[in-house]
């Protein structure tokens, strides 16, 4: 069974990983000792259009025919709460990394999207506090400003804990880690999955043709997702992975699979590595989150049609709370797509250990 399954189970139970709002604690220490800026492939930073997120229309809107139901409203509030949490952080990163003033953009976050007035109030309090502490003049920029990091950390810590408690997934049903691991096990859909997984270690055109054929001939959508994900693990060292548009088509189909999260994360990781692995490059989180919202509406349909499907509710919660691609992260040599790659493509690093 893949290592990814267990990491997802842990994240599901917690809703939002502790790292989501504690990343700043680590960044506080890291920034002081590791902040010579990376080169950006000979492109001057001022020539790159770094897009803020807080002032964009990133909000999750349920399909109209399902809106108004209590579970739908709650899932929408969960999604938008975490979207505000993650998107404002990415804008804060633009200040710390590049000296871009973002407090006005952060102040444009909407809180009228929430159905629960208490959730709206907490989001408003968070946004106002964050806007207040963010500098308004580039002359104040200091990448290793530990005092400002501490203020931002405190604000985000409070809001992150609120979201985790308010939307704790145990509210919607309980399961054991073992049960969820079984639920996400590829082997229940592909009986010889161990042999399929081994193909990751031998990159070849023959493997590509086999996996692509299996995906096209799949008897159901879950199996199609599995084989397309495995296809993405071939030619993974290439600049442009041919699986990227295939993964996008799966998500655009509107079909439900318990593996939609892995489809999305794999697609996002590969696209980001193609776009820029650098901390100082373009990170199109708005594009990634638009696709995330599409998938969430697909999962939401499953929840409405099957209200006792606690696993679907938990899948929704995990996907909605999943981090954006960030500049500051535990990967010391680039943006967090590098960390995603380590988790989603563990065979790459297994090979390096064998050499």
Protein backbone atom coordinates (compact mmCIF):
# COMPACT_ATOMS: atom_id res chain seq x y z
CA UNK A 1 0.00 0.00 0.00
CA UNK A 2 1.36 3.39 -0.89
CA UNK A 3 2.81 5.70 1.74
CA UNK A 4 0.47 8.43 0.50
CA UNK A 5 -2.56 6.62 1.90
CA UNK A 6 -1.37 6.90 5.47
CA UNK A 7 -0.41 10.55 5.16
CA UNK A 8 -3.86 11.33 3.82
CA UNK A 9 -5.55 9.43 6.64
CA UNK A 10 -3.68 11.48 9.22
CA UNK A 11 -4.52 14.72 7.43
CA UNK A 12 -8.19 13.72 7.21
CA UNK A 13 -8.45 13.19 10.95
CA UNK A 14 -6.90 16.59 11.67
CA UNK A 15 -8.76 18.44 8.87
CA UNK A 16 -5.90 20.88 8.50
CA UNK A 17 -2.37 19.73 9.19
CA UNK A 18 -0.66 21.49 12.04
CA UNK A 19 1.87 22.69 9.52
CA UNK A 20 -0.77 24.77 7.77
CA UNK A 21 -0.68 27.40 10.43
CA UNK A 22 2.61 26.55 12.15
CA UNK A 23 4.64 26.95 8.96
CA UNK A 24 5.33 30.50 9.99
CA UNK A 25 7.06 29.35 13.17
CA UNK A 26 9.53 27.40 11.07
CA UNK A 27 9.83 30.17 8.52
CA UNK A 28 10.68 32.57 11.33
CA UNK A 29 13.81 30.55 12.11
CA UNK A 30 14.60 29.59 8.55
CA UNK A 31 14.33 33.04 7.00
CA UNK A 32 17.19 34.44 9.08
CA UNK A 33 19.65 31.74 8.04
CA UNK A 34 18.59 30.92 4.48
CA UNK A 35 17.58 33.96 2.59
CA UNK A 36 19.83 34.63 -0.24
CA UNK A 37 17.34 34.88 -3.05
CA UNK A 38 17.32 32.19 -5.68
CA UNK A 39 18.06 33.06 -9.26
CA UNK A 40 14.97 32.97 -11.44
CA UNK A 41 16.29 31.59 -14.72
CA UNK A 42 17.79 34.96 -15.72
CA UNK A 43 14.40 36.67 -15.46
CA UNK A 44 14.36 39.82 -13.36
CA UNK A 45 11.75 39.70 -10.58
CA UNK A 46 10.25 43.02 -11.61
CA UNK A 47 9.46 41.54 -15.03
CA UNK A 48 7.27 38.85 -13.48
CA UNK A 49 3.64 39.62 -12.75
CA UNK A 50 3.16 38.29 -9.23
CA UNK A 51 -0.59 37.93 -8.73
CA UNK A 52 -2.22 38.48 -5.36
CA UNK A 53 -5.08 36.18 -4.34
CA UNK A 54 -6.99 37.93 -1.56
CA UNK A 55 -8.58 40.45 -3.93
CA UNK A 56 -9.67 37.80 -6.47
CA UNK A 57 -12.92 35.87 -6.80
CA UNK A 58 -11.58 32.63 -5.34
CA UNK A 59 -14.70 31.70 -3.37
CA UNK A 60 -16.41 28.33 -3.55
CA UNK A 61 -20.00 28.46 -4.82
CA UNK A 62 -22.05 25.25 -4.65
CA UNK A 63 -24.00 24.27 -7.72
CA UNK A 64 -27.32 26.12 -7.57
CA UNK A 65 -29.50 23.00 -7.44
CA UNK A 66 -27.77 21.87 -4.23
CA UNK A 67 -27.49 25.23 -2.47
CA UNK A 68 -29.46 25.86 0.72
CA UNK A 69 -29.13 22.39 2.26
CA UNK A 70 -27.49 22.43 5.71
CA UNK A 71 -24.64 20.07 4.80
CA UNK A 72 -24.00 22.02 1.60
CA UNK A 73 -23.89 25.35 3.43
CA UNK A 74 -21.51 23.89 6.01
CA UNK A 75 -19.18 22.45 3.37
CA UNK A 76 -19.18 25.79 1.53
CA UNK A 77 -18.31 27.66 4.73
CA UNK A 78 -15.53 25.15 5.43
CA UNK A 79 -14.09 25.65 1.96
CA UNK A 80 -14.22 29.44 2.02
CA UNK A 81 -12.83 29.61 5.55
CA UNK A 82 -9.74 27.66 4.55
CA UNK A 83 -9.49 29.46 1.20
CA UNK A 84 -9.21 32.76 3.05
CA UNK A 85 -6.71 31.20 5.45
CA UNK A 86 -4.44 29.92 2.66
CA UNK A 87 -4.83 32.71 0.11
CA UNK A 88 -4.04 35.51 2.54
CA UNK A 89 -0.93 33.59 3.61
CA UNK A 90 0.27 33.43 0.00
CA UNK A 91 -0.13 37.20 -0.22
CA UNK A 92 1.78 37.64 3.03
CA UNK A 93 4.56 35.59 1.46
CA UNK A 94 4.78 38.14 -1.38
CA UNK A 95 5.66 40.78 1.19
CA UNK A 96 8.23 38.73 3.05
CA UNK A 97 9.86 37.23 -0.03
CA UNK A 98 9.59 40.03 -2.56
CA UNK A 99 8.67 43.20 -0.66
CA UNK A 100 5.27 43.60 -2.35
CA UNK A 101 2.76 45.65 -0.32
CA UNK A 102 -0.38 43.52 0.05
CA UNK A 103 -2.35 44.86 3.00
CA UNK A 104 -4.96 46.57 0.79
CA UNK A 105 -5.48 43.38 -1.21
CA UNK A 106 -5.90 41.39 2.01
CA UNK A 107 -8.46 43.95 3.12
CA UNK A 108 -10.61 43.14 0.08
CA UNK A 109 -11.40 39.62 1.30
CA UNK A 110 -15.15 39.08 1.38
CA UNK A 111 -16.86 37.63 4.44
CA UNK A 112 -20.42 37.95 3.14
CA UNK A 113 -19.98 34.57 1.41
CA UNK A 114 -20.54 32.68 4.66
CA UNK A 115 -23.90 31.27 5.74
CA UNK A 116 -22.86 30.92 9.37
CA UNK A 117 -22.60 34.39 10.92
CA UNK A 118 -20.12 33.21 13.53
CA UNK A 119 -17.78 31.87 10.84
CA UNK A 120 -18.13 35.17 8.97
CA UNK A 121 -17.30 37.12 12.12
CA UNK A 122 -14.17 35.08 12.82
CA UNK A 123 -13.01 35.46 9.21
CA UNK A 124 -13.57 39.22 9.38
CA UNK A 125 -11.64 39.49 12.63
CA UNK A 126 -8.76 37.54 11.11
CA UNK A 127 -8.63 39.60 7.91
CA UNK A 128 -8.78 42.92 9.77
CA UNK A 129 -6.02 41.89 12.17
CA UNK A 130 -3.80 40.69 9.34
CA UNK A 131 -4.35 43.83 7.28
CA UNK A 132 -3.53 45.99 10.28
CA UNK A 133 -0.09 44.46 10.90
CA UNK A 134 1.04 44.23 7.27
CA UNK A 135 3.31 47.15 6.22
CA UNK A 136 2.05 49.82 3.85
CA UNK A 137 5.38 51.01 2.49
CA UNK A 138 8.12 49.08 0.67
CA UNK A 139 10.67 51.07 2.66
CA UNK A 140 9.65 48.93 5.65
CA UNK A 141 10.56 45.68 3.90
CA UNK A 142 12.88 43.30 5.68
CA UNK A 143 12.83 39.66 4.60
CA UNK A 144 13.92 38.37 7.99
CA UNK A 145 11.56 40.60 10.02
CA UNK A 146 11.08 38.19 12.91
CA UNK A 147 8.90 40.60 14.88
CA UNK A 148 6.40 40.85 12.02
CA UNK A 149 6.55 37.10 11.44
CA UNK A 150 5.60 36.60 15.10
CA UNK A 151 2.61 38.95 14.81
CA UNK A 152 1.36 37.25 11.65
CA UNK A 153 1.91 33.84 13.20
CA UNK A 154 -0.17 34.72 16.25
CA UNK A 155 -3.07 35.99 14.12
CA UNK A 156 -3.04 32.95 11.86
CA UNK A 157 -2.63 30.52 14.73
CA UNK A 158 -5.82 31.80 16.32
CA UNK A 159 -7.85 31.61 13.11
CA UNK A 160 -6.40 28.22 12.15
CA UNK A 161 -7.36 26.73 15.50
CA UNK A 162 -10.86 28.16 15.16
CA UNK A 163 -11.34 26.56 11.73
CA UNK A 164 -9.99 23.22 12.90
CA UNK A 165 -12.38 23.14 15.85
CA UNK A 166 -15.42 24.49 14.00
CA UNK A 167 -15.05 22.08 11.10
CA UNK A 168 -13.58 19.08 12.93
CA UNK A 169 -14.47 16.14 10.73
CA UNK A 170 -15.58 14.04 13.69
CA UNK A 171 -18.73 16.19 13.61
CA UNK A 172 -19.77 14.35 10.46
CA UNK A 173 -18.96 10.75 11.45
CA UNK A 174 -16.11 8.62 12.72
CA UNK A 175 -13.92 5.89 11.25
CA UNK A 176 -10.65 4.20 12.11
CA UNK A 177 -7.37 4.90 10.34
CA UNK A 178 -7.35 1.31 9.15
CA UNK A 179 -10.82 1.65 7.63
CA UNK A 180 -9.86 4.77 5.77
CA UNK A 181 -6.61 3.24 4.56
CA UNK A 182 -8.63 0.39 3.10
CA UNK A 183 -11.07 2.84 1.53
CA UNK A 184 -8.22 4.60 -0.29
CA UNK A 185 -6.29 1.47 -1.23
CA UNK A 186 -5.76 1.23 -5.00
CA UNK A 187 -5.54 -2.56 -4.62
CA UNK A 188 -9.28 -2.98 -4.10
CA UNK A 189 -9.84 -1.76 -7.67
CA UNK A 190 -6.68 -3.12 -9.28
CA UNK A 191 -6.01 -6.58 -7.79
CA UNK A 192 -2.46 -6.74 -9.18
CA UNK A 193 -1.66 -3.21 -8.09
CA UNK A 194 1.71 -4.11 -6.58
CA UNK A 195 3.00 -5.07 -10.03
CA UNK A 196 1.54 -1.86 -11.46
CA UNK A 197 3.29 0.18 -8.78
CA UNK A 198 6.59 -1.49 -9.64
CA UNK A 199 6.37 0.03 -13.12
CA UNK A 200 7.21 3.39 -11.55
CA UNK A 201 10.76 2.15 -11.04
CA UNK A 202 11.29 1.35 -14.72
CA UNK A 203 10.50 4.37 -16.86
CA UNK A 204 9.79 3.30 -20.45
CA UNK A 205 7.64 3.97 -23.49
CA UNK A 206 6.30 0.44 -23.16
CA UNK A 207 5.05 1.20 -19.65
CA UNK A 208 3.43 4.39 -20.90
CA UNK A 209 1.55 2.56 -23.63
CA UNK A 210 0.40 -0.15 -21.21
CA UNK A 211 -0.87 2.26 -18.57
CA UNK A 212 -2.55 4.53 -21.09
CA UNK A 213 -4.29 1.52 -22.62
CA UNK A 214 -5.43 0.34 -19.19
CA UNK A 215 -6.82 3.81 -18.42
CA UNK A 216 -8.75 3.95 -21.70
CA UNK A 217 -10.19 0.47 -21.19
CA UNK A 218 -11.03 0.93 -17.50
CA UNK A 219 -14.30 -0.62 -16.38
CA UNK A 220 -15.12 2.29 -14.08
CA UNK A 221 -13.99 5.81 -13.25
CA UNK A 222 -12.04 4.83 -10.12
CA UNK A 223 -9.90 2.46 -12.18
CA UNK A 224 -9.44 5.09 -14.89
CA UNK A 225 -8.19 7.54 -12.23
CA UNK A 226 -5.74 4.98 -10.84
CA UNK A 227 -4.19 4.13 -14.20
CA UNK A 228 -3.99 7.79 -15.23
CA UNK A 229 -2.21 8.61 -11.97
CA UNK A 230 0.21 5.76 -12.63
CA UNK A 231 0.71 7.04 -16.17
CA UNK A 232 1.75 10.37 -14.61
CA UNK A 233 4.57 8.53 -12.84
CA UNK A 234 6.15 7.66 -16.18
CA UNK A 235 8.53 10.14 -17.81
CA UNK A 236 8.27 12.14 -14.61
CA UNK A 237 11.70 13.69 -15.17
CA UNK A 238 10.56 15.35 -18.39
CA UNK A 239 9.82 19.07 -18.46
CA UNK A 240 6.23 18.56 -19.57
CA UNK A 241 4.44 15.47 -18.35
CA UNK A 242 1.96 14.14 -20.91
CA UNK A 243 -0.42 13.08 -18.14
CA UNK A 244 -1.21 16.68 -17.12
CA UNK A 245 -4.03 17.25 -19.66
CA UNK A 246 -5.38 13.74 -19.01
CA UNK A 247 -5.60 14.42 -15.29
CA UNK A 248 -7.33 17.74 -16.02
CA UNK A 249 -9.90 15.95 -18.20
CA UNK A 250 -10.72 13.55 -15.35
CA UNK A 251 -11.49 16.47 -13.05
CA UNK A 252 -13.49 18.31 -15.70
CA UNK A 253 -15.65 15.24 -16.40
CA UNK A 254 -17.81 15.85 -13.32
CA UNK A 255 -17.53 12.18 -12.35
CA UNK A 256 -16.96 11.23 -8.72
CA UNK A 257 -14.05 9.16 -7.51
CA UNK A 258 -12.55 8.75 -4.07
CA UNK A 259 -9.23 9.38 -5.82
CA UNK A 260 -10.09 12.88 -7.08
CA UNK A 261 -7.86 14.41 -4.42
CA UNK A 262 -4.82 12.52 -5.62
CA UNK A 263 -5.69 13.32 -9.23
CA UNK A 264 -5.83 17.02 -8.35
CA UNK A 265 -2.67 17.05 -6.23
CA UNK A 266 -0.72 15.14 -8.87
CA UNK A 267 -1.92 17.50 -11.60
CA UNK A 268 -1.10 20.57 -9.50
CA UNK A 269 2.35 19.31 -8.54
CA UNK A 270 3.35 18.50 -12.11
CA UNK A 271 2.02 21.80 -13.44
CA UNK A 272 3.88 23.79 -10.80
CA UNK A 273 7.15 21.98 -11.40
CA UNK A 274 6.74 22.76 -15.11
CA UNK A 275 5.89 26.41 -14.35
CA UNK A 276 8.56 27.11 -11.74
CA UNK A 277 10.07 25.14 -8.86
CA UNK A 278 11.54 28.40 -7.48
CA UNK A 279 10.41 30.41 -4.47
CA UNK A 280 10.67 33.49 -6.64
CA UNK A 281 8.72 32.22 -9.66
CA UNK A 282 5.09 32.30 -10.73
CA UNK A 283 2.74 30.15 -8.62
CA UNK A 284 -0.74 30.14 -10.23
CA UNK A 285 -2.70 29.12 -7.14
CA UNK A 286 -5.82 30.79 -8.51
CA UNK A 287 -5.82 28.31 -11.40
CA UNK A 288 -5.18 25.39 -9.08
CA UNK A 289 -7.95 26.45 -6.72
CA UNK A 290 -10.45 26.95 -9.52
CA UNK A 291 -9.89 23.30 -10.41
CA UNK A 292 -10.09 22.38 -6.73
CA UNK A 293 -13.51 24.03 -6.50
CA UNK A 294 -14.67 22.11 -9.56
CA UNK A 295 -13.68 18.85 -7.86
CA UNK A 296 -15.32 19.92 -4.60
CA UNK A 297 -18.63 20.44 -6.37
CA UNK A 298 -18.32 16.91 -7.77
CA UNK A 299 -17.68 15.51 -4.29
CA UNK A 300 -20.52 17.62 -2.89
CA UNK A 301 -22.94 15.98 -5.32
CA UNK A 302 -21.86 12.60 -3.95
CA UNK A 303 -22.49 13.85 -0.39
CA UNK A 304 -25.97 15.16 -1.23
CA UNK A 305 -26.92 12.00 -3.11
CA UNK A 306 -25.46 9.78 -0.37
CA UNK A 307 -25.79 11.71 2.92
CA UNK A 308 -24.46 8.79 4.99
CA UNK A 309 -21.21 8.62 3.01
CA UNK A 310 -18.94 9.82 5.80
CA UNK A 311 -15.89 9.06 3.69
CA UNK A 312 -16.99 11.49 0.97
CA UNK A 313 -17.52 14.18 3.62
CA UNK A 314 -14.02 13.59 4.93
CA UNK A 315 -12.55 13.62 1.43
CA UNK A 316 -14.26 16.96 0.87
CA UNK A 317 -12.87 18.33 4.12
CA UNK A 318 -9.34 17.26 3.36
CA UNK A 319 -9.37 18.65 -0.18
CA UNK A 320 -10.96 21.93 0.91
CA UNK A 321 -8.36 22.46 3.64
CA UNK A 322 -5.32 21.33 1.65
CA UNK A 323 -2.52 23.93 1.52
CA UNK A 324 -1.83 26.12 -1.48
CA UNK A 325 1.58 25.87 -3.15
CA UNK A 326 3.67 28.16 -0.93
CA UNK A 327 7.00 29.95 -1.20
CA UNK A 328 8.09 29.40 2.39
CA UNK A 329 7.92 25.71 3.33
CA UNK A 330 9.97 22.79 4.64
CA UNK A 331 11.62 22.27 1.25
CA UNK A 332 14.76 24.40 1.43
CA UNK A 333 15.45 24.69 -2.29
CA UNK A 334 12.22 25.95 -3.81
CA UNK A 335 8.48 26.27 -3.39
CA UNK A 336 6.33 23.60 -1.76
CA UNK A 337 5.79 21.70 -5.02
CA UNK A 338 9.10 20.07 -4.11
CA UNK A 339 7.56 18.74 -0.90
CA UNK A 340 4.48 17.61 -2.82
CA UNK A 341 6.73 15.74 -5.23
CA UNK A 342 8.45 13.94 -2.34
CA UNK A 343 5.07 12.80 -1.04
CA UNK A 344 3.34 11.99 -4.33
CA UNK A 345 6.36 10.52 -6.13
CA UNK A 346 8.23 8.65 -3.35
CA UNK A 347 9.77 6.24 -5.85
CA UNK A 348 12.05 9.02 -7.13
CA UNK A 349 13.72 9.27 -3.75
CA UNK A 350 13.73 5.51 -3.23
CA UNK A 351 15.79 5.28 -6.41
CA UNK A 352 18.24 7.92 -5.15
CA UNK A 353 18.72 5.98 -1.92
CA UNK A 354 19.48 2.81 -3.91
CA UNK A 355 22.20 4.52 -5.97
